[in-house]
């Protein structure tokens, strides 16, 4: 069974800076962020995984990622995740 991950990264050097994303391979994606391959996250590396949630349904995972990137989703993540 394949899983789809919605994750929240936290910078190690600036612990109040976060990034939310979606992937099918969590460890490879973290490595990509930490190697500087992602323009949005390269200047804040290194990163650590703060939260990762696995979904068996790709559509639900993408919907949850979109929600976490909204204003109410960011508030939810800050309070609950």
Protein backbone atom coordinates (compact mmCIF):
# COMPACT_ATOMS: atom_id res chain seq x y z
CA UNK A 1 0.00 0.00 0.00
CA UNK A 2 1.32 3.43 -0.93
CA UNK A 3 1.18 6.32 1.48
CA UNK A 4 1.10 10.04 0.79
CA UNK A 5 2.56 12.39 3.38
CA UNK A 6 1.70 15.90 4.41
CA UNK A 7 4.58 17.25 6.45
CA UNK A 8 5.60 20.31 8.40
CA UNK A 9 9.28 21.14 8.52
CA UNK A 10 10.89 23.34 11.14
CA UNK A 11 14.22 25.06 10.71
CA UNK A 12 16.88 24.03 13.17
CA UNK A 13 18.56 27.45 13.31
CA UNK A 14 15.33 29.51 13.43
CA UNK A 15 12.79 27.28 15.22
CA UNK A 16 9.83 29.60 14.50
CA UNK A 17 10.12 29.17 10.72
CA UNK A 18 8.04 26.37 9.17
CA UNK A 19 7.35 24.88 5.76
CA UNK A 20 4.39 22.66 4.81
CA UNK A 21 4.48 20.22 1.92
CA UNK A 22 3.31 16.98 0.32
CA UNK A 23 5.34 13.97 -0.81
CA UNK A 24 5.26 10.26 -1.47
CA UNK A 25 8.80 9.72 -0.11
CA UNK A 26 9.32 11.57 3.16
CA UNK A 27 13.00 10.82 3.74
CA UNK A 28 13.99 11.72 0.16
CA UNK A 29 12.00 14.95 0.37
CA UNK A 30 13.69 15.98 3.63
CA UNK A 31 17.07 15.25 2.06
CA UNK A 32 16.09 17.39 -0.93
CA UNK A 33 15.14 20.31 1.33
CA UNK A 34 18.37 20.01 3.32
CA UNK A 35 20.57 19.78 0.23
CA UNK A 36 19.25 23.10 -1.08
CA UNK A 37 17.37 21.70 -4.10
CA UNK A 38 14.17 23.58 -3.18
CA UNK A 39 14.31 27.35 -3.78
CA UNK A 40 11.64 28.09 -1.15
CA UNK A 41 13.53 26.35 1.65
CA UNK A 42 17.20 26.51 0.69
CA UNK A 43 18.01 29.69 2.61
CA UNK A 44 16.61 28.31 5.88
CA UNK A 45 18.31 24.89 5.93
CA UNK A 46 18.87 22.67 7.80
CA UNK A 47 15.35 21.41 8.41
CA UNK A 48 13.84 18.76 10.64
CA UNK A 49 10.47 17.08 10.41
CA UNK A 50 8.14 18.56 13.01
CA UNK A 51 4.99 16.69 11.95
CA UNK A 52 4.21 14.12 9.26
CA UNK A 53 0.81 12.64 8.58
CA UNK A 54 0.35 9.62 6.32
CA UNK A 55 -2.70 9.24 4.09
CA UNK A 56 -3.70 6.26 1.98
CA UNK A 57 -5.76 8.57 -0.27
CA UNK A 58 -3.72 10.99 -2.41
CA UNK A 59 -6.61 13.42 -2.86
CA UNK A 60 -7.25 13.67 0.87
CA UNK A 61 -3.55 14.34 1.47
CA UNK A 62 -3.50 17.15 -1.08
CA UNK A 63 -6.67 18.65 0.40
CA UNK A 64 -5.12 18.58 3.88
CA UNK A 65 -1.93 20.22 2.61
CA UNK A 66 -4.01 22.99 1.01
CA UNK A 67 -5.92 23.42 4.27
CA UNK A 68 -2.71 23.66 6.34
CA UNK A 69 -1.48 26.41 4.01
CA UNK A 70 -4.66 28.47 4.60
CA UNK A 71 -5.05 30.93 7.45
CA UNK A 72 -7.23 28.67 9.54
CA UNK A 73 -5.00 25.69 8.73
CA UNK A 74 -1.90 27.55 9.92
CA UNK A 75 -3.72 28.43 13.16
CA UNK A 76 -4.74 24.77 13.58
CA UNK A 77 -1.18 23.55 12.95
CA UNK A 78 0.30 26.08 15.37
CA UNK A 79 -2.10 25.05 18.12
CA UNK A 80 -2.42 21.30 17.51
CA UNK A 81 0.58 20.07 15.53
